[in-house]
Structure formats: C-alpha cells, structure tokens
C-alpha cells in the first residue's frame, strides 16, 4: 500500500513568510474609513413607520369598501330580481305621462336605488327613469305583481330646468 504524500501543516513557530495564510492577511489593504452618509433627517427616521401606517390605512379602507359593497350589492341584486320590481320597471317605461315629460325612448335603472320588501306582500321600489330630455325618480308601490301607486319626482336635471325657463309665458 502506498500512502499519498501529506502536506506539511504550517508551523506556528515558523516565520510569517512560511505561513501562507498569515502572508495573505498581511498583503490585504488596510481597512479604510466607511463611506460618508448624510445625517438622518426626521423624515428618514419616520419613513418606516409612515409606510406601515399607510399600508394599514389602505388595508382598512379596502376592507371597509369591500364589506360595504357586499352588504349593499347582495341585497340590492336580490331586490332587482324581485318580480314586483320587474313589473314596476315595465310599467314606468310604458307610462305615457313619462314619455311626454322625458321623450320617446325611456330606460329604467336596472337596480333599485331604494326598496322596501315587506313580508305581507306590499313592496316599494324607487328607481330612475331616463329619457332624451332628462331623468325622473319614480317610486312604485307593488302588491304581488300588481302596481298600487306610482309617484314621479323630477330630480331637477338641467334639461328640465331649461325647458321650464324657455316655456312660453301665459298672458
């Protein structure tokens, strides 16, 4: 069996030239002073806290917006599919007095702006009806699928005010 030649271990008592590691350490340049940095301002010291606070505020606003949207959108979507609301929309779009007030082509909002659905079957829906000449807020009371009452509330759009100002004066 032949043995591989062993490297000689550095002798601690040997001069530094004999020890390779010590020679490399001596050959390295001396450590220099750290690079100059501007002094920290108040904004620099507060910026990590401000970033965290801003992230927290954004999270809270997003959660509030998301919950409000869910709490509003789900019941409103359910109310928009109510057969009474569908009948109220059909009635409003076909109403002759609204056609005279708003023009030929009428369209009703798809989602009710206000609604009250009662257990005894009588429900109230408020929604906008738009036409060529403006928009009117309509409140319809429905019992089952039968229309009980219709109230129209002009919202004072600029077209309607213009029409009222330009109307001929009675003599």
C-alpha atoms as a PDB file:
ATOM      1  CA  UNK A   1       0.000   0.000   0.000  1.00  0.00           C
ATOM      2  CA  UNK A   2       1.296   3.277  -0.916  1.00  0.00           C
ATOM      3  CA  UNK A   3       0.477   6.355   1.046  1.00  0.00           C
ATOM      4  CA  UNK A   4      -0.259   9.692  -0.521  1.00  0.00           C
ATOM      5  CA  UNK A   5       2.165  12.398   0.420  1.00  0.00           C
ATOM      6  CA  UNK A   6       0.838  14.663   3.117  1.00  0.00           C
ATOM      7  CA  UNK A   7       1.096  18.388   3.039  1.00  0.00           C
ATOM      8  CA  UNK A   8       3.027  19.863   5.803  1.00  0.00           C
ATOM      9  CA  UNK A   9       0.934  21.744   8.286  1.00  0.00           C
ATOM     10  CA  UNK A  10       2.046  25.293   8.964  1.00  0.00           C
ATOM     11  CA  UNK A  11       4.279  25.552  11.913  1.00  0.00           C
ATOM     12  CA  UNK A  12       3.064  28.181  14.379  1.00  0.00           C
ATOM     13  CA  UNK A  13       6.626  28.924  15.347  1.00  0.00           C
ATOM     14  CA  UNK A  14       7.712  29.432  11.750  1.00  0.00           C
ATOM     15  CA  UNK A  15       8.209  32.947  10.412  1.00  0.00           C
ATOM     16  CA  UNK A  16       5.151  34.634   8.750  1.00  0.00           C
ATOM     17  CA  UNK A  17       6.561  34.069   5.260  1.00  0.00           C
ATOM     18  CA  UNK A  18       6.382  30.348   5.827  1.00  0.00           C
ATOM     19  CA  UNK A  19       2.723  30.518   6.825  1.00  0.00           C
ATOM     20  CA  UNK A  20       0.674  31.281   3.631  1.00  0.00           C
ATOM     21  CA  UNK A  21      -2.468  32.497   5.377  1.00  0.00           C
ATOM     22  CA  UNK A  22      -0.628  34.973   7.505  1.00  0.00           C
ATOM     23  CA  UNK A  23       1.185  36.294   4.455  1.00  0.00           C
ATOM     24  CA  UNK A  24      -2.102  36.778   2.574  1.00  0.00           C
ATOM     25  CA  UNK A  25      -3.610  38.606   5.539  1.00  0.00           C
ATOM     26  CA  UNK A  26      -0.665  40.957   5.664  1.00  0.00           C
ATOM     27  CA  UNK A  27      -0.875  41.586   1.921  1.00  0.00           C
ATOM     28  CA  UNK A  28      -4.550  42.749   2.125  1.00  0.00           C
ATOM     29  CA  UNK A  29      -5.009  46.518   2.183  1.00  0.00           C
ATOM     30  CA  UNK A  30      -5.719  48.127   5.496  1.00  0.00           C
ATOM     31  CA  UNK A  31      -9.427  48.791   6.200  1.00  0.00           C
ATOM     32  CA  UNK A  32     -10.474  52.265   5.097  1.00  0.00           C
ATOM     33  CA  UNK A  33     -12.973  54.598   6.717  1.00  0.00           C
ATOM     34  CA  UNK A  34     -16.675  53.928   5.936  1.00  0.00           C
ATOM     35  CA  UNK A  35     -18.227  55.926   3.096  1.00  0.00           C
ATOM     36  CA  UNK A  36     -19.763  59.244   4.083  1.00  0.00           C
ATOM     37  CA  UNK A  37     -23.520  59.145   4.625  1.00  0.00           C
ATOM     38  CA  UNK A  38     -25.692  62.203   5.106  1.00  0.00           C
ATOM     39  CA  UNK A  39     -27.188  62.551   8.564  1.00  0.00           C
ATOM     40  CA  UNK A  40     -30.647  61.040   9.010  1.00  0.00           C
ATOM     41  CA  UNK A  41     -33.469  63.530   8.913  1.00  0.00           C
ATOM     42  CA  UNK A  42     -36.722  63.238  10.812  1.00  0.00           C
ATOM     43  CA  UNK A  43     -38.455  62.003   7.632  1.00  0.00           C
ATOM     44  CA  UNK A  44     -35.818  59.281   7.210  1.00  0.00           C
ATOM     45  CA  UNK A  45     -36.360  58.095  10.759  1.00  0.00           C
ATOM     46  CA  UNK A  46     -40.163  58.193  10.469  1.00  0.00           C
ATOM     47  CA  UNK A  47     -40.479  56.735   6.968  1.00  0.00           C
ATOM     48  CA  UNK A  48     -40.618  53.042   8.019  1.00  0.00           C
ATOM     49  CA  UNK A  49     -43.392  53.880  10.487  1.00  0.00           C
ATOM     50  CA  UNK A  50     -45.198  56.013   7.923  1.00  0.00           C
ATOM     51  CA  UNK A  51     -45.026  53.206   5.365  1.00  0.00           C
ATOM     52  CA  UNK A  52     -46.518  50.776   7.865  1.00  0.00           C
ATOM     53  CA  UNK A  53     -49.216  53.266   8.851  1.00  0.00           C
ATOM     54  CA  UNK A  54     -50.065  53.949   5.200  1.00  0.00           C
ATOM     55  CA  UNK A  55     -50.280  50.221   4.469  1.00  0.00           C
ATOM     56  CA  UNK A  56     -52.576  49.805   7.482  1.00  0.00           C
ATOM     57  CA  UNK A  57     -54.819  52.693   6.379  1.00  0.00           C
ATOM     58  CA  UNK A  58     -55.034  51.303   2.827  1.00  0.00           C
ATOM     59  CA  UNK A  59     -55.941  47.875   4.221  1.00  0.00           C
ATOM     60  CA  UNK A  60     -58.655  49.327   6.481  1.00  0.00           C
ATOM     61  CA  UNK A  61     -60.142  51.399   3.638  1.00  0.00           C
ATOM     62  CA  UNK A  62     -60.122  48.367   1.330  1.00  0.00           C
ATOM     63  CA  UNK A  63     -61.851  46.224   3.968  1.00  0.00           C
ATOM     64  CA  UNK A  64     -64.497  48.869   4.665  1.00  0.00           C
ATOM     65  CA  UNK A  65     -65.135  49.377   0.953  1.00  0.00           C
ATOM     66  CA  UNK A  66     -65.325  45.643   0.302  1.00  0.00           C
ATOM     67  CA  UNK A  67     -67.698  44.997   3.195  1.00  0.00           C
ATOM     68  CA  UNK A  68     -69.945  47.922   2.300  1.00  0.00           C
ATOM     69  CA  UNK A  69     -70.071  46.754  -1.295  1.00  0.00           C
ATOM     70  CA  UNK A  70     -71.006  43.244  -0.240  1.00  0.00           C
ATOM     71  CA  UNK A  71     -73.569  44.454   2.284  1.00  0.00           C
ATOM     72  CA  UNK A  72     -75.157  46.729  -0.329  1.00  0.00           C
ATOM     73  CA  UNK A  73     -74.731  44.730  -3.547  1.00  0.00           C
ATOM     74  CA  UNK A  74     -76.101  41.360  -2.438  1.00  0.00           C
ATOM     75  CA  UNK A  75     -79.474  42.624  -1.103  1.00  0.00           C
ATOM     76  CA  UNK A  76     -79.852  45.072  -3.999  1.00  0.00           C
ATOM     77  CA  UNK A  77     -79.181  42.333  -6.549  1.00  0.00           C
ATOM     78  CA  UNK A  78     -81.789  40.199  -4.790  1.00  0.00           C
ATOM     79  CA  UNK A  79     -84.288  43.092  -4.882  1.00  0.00           C
ATOM     80  CA  UNK A  80     -83.603  43.734  -8.574  1.00  0.00           C
ATOM     81  CA  UNK A  81     -84.720  40.183  -9.380  1.00  0.00           C
ATOM     82  CA  UNK A  82     -87.984  40.601  -7.464  1.00  0.00           C
ATOM     83  CA  UNK A  83     -90.988  40.155  -9.800  1.00  0.00           C
ATOM     84  CA  UNK A  84     -92.586  43.313  -8.398  1.00  0.00           C
ATOM     85  CA  UNK A  85     -89.549  45.372  -9.380  1.00  0.00           C
ATOM     86  CA  UNK A  86     -89.562  43.900 -12.885  1.00  0.00           C
ATOM     87  CA  UNK A  87     -93.237  44.811 -13.262  1.00  0.00           C
ATOM     88  CA  UNK A  88     -92.589  48.321 -11.907  1.00  0.00           C
ATOM     89  CA  UNK A  89     -89.828  48.839 -14.493  1.00  0.00           C
ATOM     90  CA  UNK A  90     -92.118  47.685 -17.323  1.00  0.00           C
ATOM     91  CA  UNK A  91     -94.877  49.997 -16.082  1.00  0.00           C
ATOM     92  CA  UNK A  92     -92.535  53.001 -15.845  1.00  0.00           C
ATOM     93  CA  UNK A  93     -91.041  52.514 -19.315  1.00  0.00           C
ATOM     94  CA  UNK A  94     -94.522  52.206 -20.838  1.00  0.00           C
ATOM     95  CA  UNK A  95     -96.035  55.188 -18.968  1.00  0.00           C
ATOM     96  CA  UNK A  96     -97.461  57.824 -21.359  1.00  0.00           C
ATOM     97  CA  UNK A  97     -97.006  60.747 -18.974  1.00  0.00           C
ATOM     98  CA  UNK A  98     -93.304  59.911 -18.591  1.00  0.00           C
ATOM     99  CA  UNK A  99     -92.956  59.692 -22.383  1.00  0.00           C
ATOM    100  CA  UNK A 100     -94.432  63.188 -22.689  1.00  0.00           C
ATOM    101  CA  UNK A 101     -92.090  64.503 -19.994  1.00  0.00           C
ATOM    102  CA  UNK A 102     -88.867  62.718 -20.986  1.00  0.00           C
ATOM    103  CA  UNK A 103     -89.163  61.933 -24.689  1.00  0.00           C
ATOM    104  CA  UNK A 104     -89.757  58.790 -26.727  1.00  0.00           C
ATOM    105  CA  UNK A 105     -87.007  56.416 -25.661  1.00  0.00           C
ATOM    106  CA  UNK A 106     -87.193  55.609 -21.956  1.00  0.00           C
ATOM    107  CA  UNK A 107     -84.972  53.330 -19.927  1.00  0.00           C
ATOM    108  CA  UNK A 108     -85.316  52.380 -16.277  1.00  0.00           C
ATOM    109  CA  UNK A 109     -82.435  51.688 -13.903  1.00  0.00           C
ATOM    110  CA  UNK A 110     -81.563  48.005 -13.592  1.00  0.00           C
ATOM    111  CA  UNK A 111     -81.006  48.188  -9.838  1.00  0.00           C
ATOM    112  CA  UNK A 112     -83.397  49.896  -7.438  1.00  0.00           C
ATOM    113  CA  UNK A 113     -81.963  52.940  -5.700  1.00  0.00           C
ATOM    114  CA  UNK A 114     -84.262  52.369  -2.743  1.00  0.00           C
ATOM    115  CA  UNK A 115     -86.511  49.469  -1.891  1.00  0.00           C
ATOM    116  CA  UNK A 116     -88.601  48.046   0.902  1.00  0.00           C
ATOM    117  CA  UNK A 117     -89.812  44.485   0.555  1.00  0.00           C
ATOM    118  CA  UNK A 118     -92.353  43.585   3.223  1.00  0.00           C
ATOM    119  CA  UNK A 119     -93.487  40.144   4.288  1.00  0.00           C
ATOM    120  CA  UNK A 120     -97.189  40.887   3.759  1.00  0.00           C
ATOM    121  CA  UNK A 121     -96.586  41.249   0.017  1.00  0.00           C
ATOM    122  CA  UNK A 122     -96.677  45.019  -0.442  1.00  0.00           C
ATOM    123  CA  UNK A 123     -93.303  46.342  -1.622  1.00  0.00           C
ATOM    124  CA  UNK A 124     -91.939  49.764  -2.545  1.00  0.00           C
ATOM    125  CA  UNK A 125     -89.245  50.367  -5.162  1.00  0.00           C
ATOM    126  CA  UNK A 126     -87.559  53.635  -6.079  1.00  0.00           C
ATOM    127  CA  UNK A 127     -85.548  53.918  -9.297  1.00  0.00           C
ATOM    128  CA  UNK A 128     -84.614  56.370 -12.007  1.00  0.00           C
ATOM    129  CA  UNK A 129     -86.217  56.555 -15.435  1.00  0.00           C
ATOM    130  CA  UNK A 130     -84.114  58.270 -18.111  1.00  0.00           C
ATOM    131  CA  UNK A 131     -85.195  59.694 -21.417  1.00  0.00           C
ATOM    132  CA  UNK A 132     -83.951  62.022 -24.128  1.00  0.00           C
ATOM    133  CA  UNK A 133     -84.896  65.100 -22.096  1.00  0.00           C
ATOM    134  CA  UNK A 134     -83.718  64.139 -18.609  1.00  0.00           C
ATOM    135  CA  UNK A 135     -84.302  61.810 -15.708  1.00  0.00           C
ATOM    136  CA  UNK A 136     -87.113  61.326 -13.195  1.00  0.00           C
ATOM    137  CA  UNK A 137     -87.093  59.455  -9.889  1.00  0.00           C
ATOM    138  CA  UNK A 138     -90.055  57.067  -9.732  1.00  0.00           C
ATOM    139  CA  UNK A 139     -91.387  55.405  -6.564  1.00  0.00           C
ATOM    140  CA  UNK A 140     -93.729  52.490  -7.208  1.00  0.00           C
ATOM    141  CA  UNK A 141     -95.747  50.514  -4.663  1.00  0.00           C
ATOM    142  CA  UNK A 142     -96.372  46.941  -5.731  1.00  0.00           C
ATOM    143  CA  UNK A 143     -98.576  44.283  -4.193  1.00  0.00           C
ATOM    144  CA  UNK A 144     -97.551  40.911  -5.592  1.00  0.00           C
ATOM    145  CA  UNK A 145     -97.162  41.832  -9.259  1.00  0.00           C
ATOM    146  CA  UNK A 146     -99.936  44.458  -9.263  1.00  0.00           C
ATOM    147  CA  UNK A 147     -98.985  48.159  -9.275  1.00  0.00           C
ATOM    148  CA  UNK A 148    -100.751  50.046  -6.456  1.00  0.00           C
ATOM    149  CA  UNK A 149     -99.349  53.555  -6.819  1.00  0.00           C
ATOM    150  CA  UNK A 150     -96.754  55.445  -8.850  1.00  0.00           C
ATOM    151  CA  UNK A 151     -95.150  58.705  -7.699  1.00  0.00           C
ATOM    152  CA  UNK A 152     -92.890  60.696 -10.014  1.00  0.00           C
ATOM    153  CA  UNK A 153     -90.271  63.102  -8.649  1.00  0.00           C
ATOM    154  CA  UNK A 154     -88.344  65.185 -11.203  1.00  0.00           C
ATOM    155  CA  UNK A 155     -84.792  65.468  -9.942  1.00  0.00           C
ATOM    156  CA  UNK A 156     -84.265  68.907 -11.458  1.00  0.00           C
ATOM    157  CA  UNK A 157     -81.828  67.975 -14.190  1.00  0.00           C
ATOM    158  CA  UNK A 158     -80.513  70.876 -16.254  1.00  0.00           C
ATOM    159  CA  UNK A 159     -82.620  69.898 -19.267  1.00  0.00           C
ATOM    160  CA  UNK A 160     -85.865  70.127 -17.323  1.00  0.00           C
ATOM    161  CA  UNK A 161     -84.904  73.491 -15.783  1.00  0.00           C
ATOM    162  CA  UNK A 162     -84.029  74.759 -19.258  1.00  0.00           C
ATOM    163  CA  UNK A 163     -87.398  73.589 -20.565  1.00  0.00           C
ATOM    164  CA  UNK A 164     -89.208  75.356 -17.721  1.00  0.00           C
ATOM    165  CA  UNK A 165     -87.346  78.636 -18.341  1.00  0.00           C
ATOM    166  CA  UNK A 166     -87.984  78.505 -22.091  1.00  0.00           C
ATOM    167  CA  UNK A 167     -91.664  77.669 -21.760  1.00  0.00           C
ATOM    168  CA  UNK A 168     -93.966  80.333 -23.194  1.00  0.00           C
ATOM    169  CA  UNK A 169     -95.496  82.579 -20.562  1.00  0.00           C
ATOM    170  CA  UNK A 170     -99.261  82.667 -20.193  1.00  0.00           C
ATOM    171  CA  UNK A 171    -100.875  86.076 -20.869  1.00  0.00           C
END
